[in-house]
C-alpha cells in the first residue's frame, strides 16, 4: 500500500496516459496538461490505456516518488474521459488500488455473527 498521509489530496488524471512515461515526464504532464504544481505534496494518479496499470507521483517535501501497480485480473475503475483531473479521497484511492469500485464500495461477504 502506498503510504498516504492524512489530509493529502489525490488527483486522478482523467483519460489514459502513456505508461512508458517516467517520473519527470509525468510531473511535466501535471504542470502542462492539468495546470497544477507536482511539487505541492498532492498525489497524482495516471492510468494506462488497458486499465490494468496505474502510476502515482508524489513529492513528499524531500523528493519525488513514483509508484506503480498492475492488476493481475480486472481493471481499475476510472471516470469517463473529460479534460483535467478529478479529486478523490485517500480512502477512495485505497479502494481503487485494491481493485474495488471506489465510487460505490460494497461489502462482498457476510460477516459471521459470534454467538
Protein backbone atom coordinates (compact mmCIF):
# COMPACT_ATOMS: atom_id res chain seq x y z
CA UNK A 1 0.00 0.00 0.00
CA UNK A 2 1.19 3.49 -0.77
CA UNK A 3 1.79 5.48 2.42
CA UNK A 4 -0.72 8.31 2.07
CA UNK A 5 -0.54 10.85 4.88
CA UNK A 6 -3.84 12.08 6.25
CA UNK A 7 -5.10 15.20 4.60
CA UNK A 8 -3.21 14.67 1.34
CA UNK A 9 -5.17 15.46 -1.81
CA UNK A 10 -5.42 12.79 -4.50
CA UNK A 11 -5.98 13.76 -8.14
CA UNK A 12 -6.91 11.34 -10.94
CA UNK A 13 -5.67 12.40 -14.37
CA UNK A 14 -8.84 11.74 -16.36
CA UNK A 15 -8.42 9.71 -19.55
CA UNK A 16 -5.46 7.45 -20.26
CA UNK A 17 -1.74 8.16 -20.14
CA UNK A 18 1.22 6.64 -21.95
CA UNK A 19 2.60 4.27 -19.31
CA UNK A 20 6.10 4.41 -20.81
CA UNK A 21 6.40 7.82 -19.16
CA UNK A 22 8.60 8.17 -16.13
CA UNK A 23 8.57 10.45 -13.13
CA UNK A 24 9.84 13.59 -14.88
CA UNK A 25 7.51 13.41 -17.87
CA UNK A 26 4.50 12.67 -15.62
CA UNK A 27 5.42 15.70 -13.48
CA UNK A 28 5.62 17.76 -16.67
CA UNK A 29 2.16 16.47 -17.65
CA UNK A 30 0.82 17.59 -14.26
CA UNK A 31 2.17 21.09 -14.92
CA UNK A 32 1.24 21.49 -18.57
CA UNK A 33 -1.94 19.48 -19.02
CA UNK A 34 -3.52 19.61 -15.56
CA UNK A 35 -2.24 23.09 -14.68
CA UNK A 36 -1.16 22.02 -11.19
CA UNK A 37 2.11 22.02 -9.23
CA UNK A 38 3.58 18.49 -8.95
CA UNK A 39 5.78 19.59 -6.01
CA UNK A 40 2.95 20.73 -3.70
CA UNK A 41 2.57 17.39 -1.88
CA UNK A 42 -0.53 16.10 -3.69
CA UNK A 43 -0.71 12.62 -5.22
CA UNK A 44 -1.33 12.42 -8.98
CA UNK A 45 -2.69 9.14 -10.34
CA UNK A 46 -2.43 8.11 -14.01
CA UNK A 47 -3.98 5.07 -15.74
CA UNK A 48 -2.85 3.27 -18.88
CA UNK A 49 -4.98 2.50 -21.93
CA UNK A 50 -5.55 -1.15 -20.94
CA UNK A 51 -6.72 0.00 -17.47
CA UNK A 52 -4.70 -2.63 -15.60
CA UNK A 53 -1.80 -0.33 -14.64
CA UNK A 54 -1.68 2.91 -12.64
CA UNK A 55 1.26 5.15 -11.80
CA UNK A 56 1.27 7.64 -8.95
CA UNK A 57 3.70 10.50 -8.45
CA UNK A 58 4.10 12.27 -5.14
CA UNK A 59 6.50 14.88 -3.83
CA UNK A 60 6.87 14.46 -0.06
CA UNK A 61 8.88 17.66 0.54
CA UNK A 62 12.20 15.87 0.21
CA UNK A 63 11.93 14.24 -3.19
CA UNK A 64 9.63 12.87 -5.88
CA UNK A 65 8.38 9.27 -5.69
CA UNK A 66 6.92 7.13 -8.44
CA UNK A 67 4.64 4.23 -7.53
CA UNK A 68 3.19 1.70 -9.97
CA UNK A 69 0.58 -1.02 -9.54
CA UNK A 70 -0.63 -3.56 -12.08
CA UNK A 71 -3.70 -5.72 -11.50
CA UNK A 72 -3.30 -9.39 -12.40
CA UNK A 73 -7.03 -9.65 -13.10
CA UNK A 74 -9.59 -6.95 -13.74
CA UNK A 75 -9.26 -3.25 -14.43
CA UNK A 76 -9.04 -0.08 -12.43
CA UNK A 77 -12.33 1.85 -12.26
CA UNK A 78 -11.81 5.26 -13.88
CA UNK A 79 -14.07 8.26 -14.53
CA UNK A 80 -15.27 8.80 -18.08
CA UNK A 81 -12.88 10.81 -20.27
CA UNK A 82 -13.03 14.56 -19.89
CA UNK A 83 -10.46 17.31 -19.57
CA UNK A 84 -8.39 17.83 -16.47
CA UNK A 85 -8.40 15.91 -13.24
CA UNK A 86 -10.78 14.68 -10.56
CA UNK A 87 -10.12 14.86 -6.82
CA UNK A 88 -10.81 11.77 -4.70
CA UNK A 89 -10.12 10.95 -1.05
CA UNK A 90 -7.28 8.83 0.28
CA UNK A 91 -9.71 6.07 1.24
CA UNK A 92 -11.17 6.06 -2.28
CA UNK A 93 -7.63 5.65 -3.61
CA UNK A 94 -7.10 2.69 -1.27
CA UNK A 95 -10.28 1.04 -2.59
CA UNK A 96 -9.20 1.66 -6.17
CA UNK A 97 -5.73 0.18 -5.62
CA UNK A 98 -7.37 -2.95 -4.17
CA UNK A 99 -9.48 -3.32 -7.33
CA UNK A 100 -12.72 -2.24 -5.63
CA UNK A 101 -15.16 0.19 -7.26
CA UNK A 102 -14.22 3.33 -5.30
CA UNK A 103 -17.35 5.17 -6.43
CA UNK A 104 -19.67 2.78 -4.55
CA UNK A 105 -17.79 0.34 -2.28
CA UNK A 106 -19.92 -2.55 -1.08
CA UNK A 107 -19.25 -5.44 1.23
CA UNK A 108 -18.80 -8.61 -0.81
CA UNK A 109 -19.15 -11.05 2.07
CA UNK A 110 -21.46 -11.57 5.01
CA UNK A 111 -19.62 -11.50 8.32
CA UNK A 112 -20.21 -14.39 10.70
CA UNK A 113 -22.09 -13.47 13.86
CA UNK A 114 -20.43 -14.58 17.07
CA UNK A 115 -22.81 -16.49 19.12
